Amino acid sequence: MKQNKYDDPDFFAAYNQMPRSVGGLDAAGEWPALRALMPELKDKRLLDLGCGLGWHCRYALQMGAKSVIGIDLSDKMIARAKALTDDPAIEYRRMAIEDIDFEARQFDVVISSLALHYIERFDDVCRSVFEAVVPGGSFILSVEHPVFTARAAQDWHYGTKGERLHWPVDDYQQEGKRDTRFLGSDVVKYHRTAATLINTLIEAGFTIKKLSEPQPTEEALAAYPDMRDETRRPIFLLIAAEKS
């Protein structure tokens, strides 16, 4: 299923009010950890799967990337990314991640930020990326952490006074579709265990170089105090993989 919630006007409006939509990468709690996983980008050809508003595409160009292609299924996302970008070296295409069919060895680096938990067939995407990246090339991705996606509710357990007591984990081993709520809308996500995520990359031919389960930095916590509870359980899993 190719899900496109972001072209819903109400959903897109709500998304654009999120801190990361307003403040960009500096407002994304996981950004320092994701940036640390990236290889040298100078003179590299980069593909961004689920590019959203284009923050990572523009960062890659700032770091000297030779060319950047960002794809996203949402017309609204692509239009907004283009409006925020003023450089012909970045090309934005409306395309589903499931439909990528680039030339073999077309890219040096492929990234994907918080998009692949919306994709039903992660294995197909991994194989397509493996073909599209050069030997020695990198696949850097972030997804919602399996601890976060295990339960469809994706919410805390609250005390009698509304205080957040703990984050419940259940049905962890039961992989598959989760009917969740995000920004006031029904959204389909796909839960996979950490082992499945890692082994699927390995089976596609990648070597795992590093994992990260980041917490917000002290700077981010100072700027966005609401992030404090994000230090109590992992919300994101970041993976750096390399084509052997």
Foldseek 3Di string as FASTA:
>chain_A
DQDDPCQPVLLVVLVCPDQCNVVPLVLDQCNVVLVVLDDQQAQWEEEEAQCFLPRVVVVSVVSHHQAYEYEHQHPVRQVNNVVVDDDPRYHYDNDHLLPDDDAFQQGQEYEYEADCQQPQCPLSSLLRVLRNHDAFGKYKYKHWALQQVQAQASDADADPVRHGDGRDHDNSVVWAWHFHADSRDTGIGTHDHPVVVVVSNVVSQKDWDDKDQDQGDPVSCVVPVVSVCCVRDGGMMITMIGRD
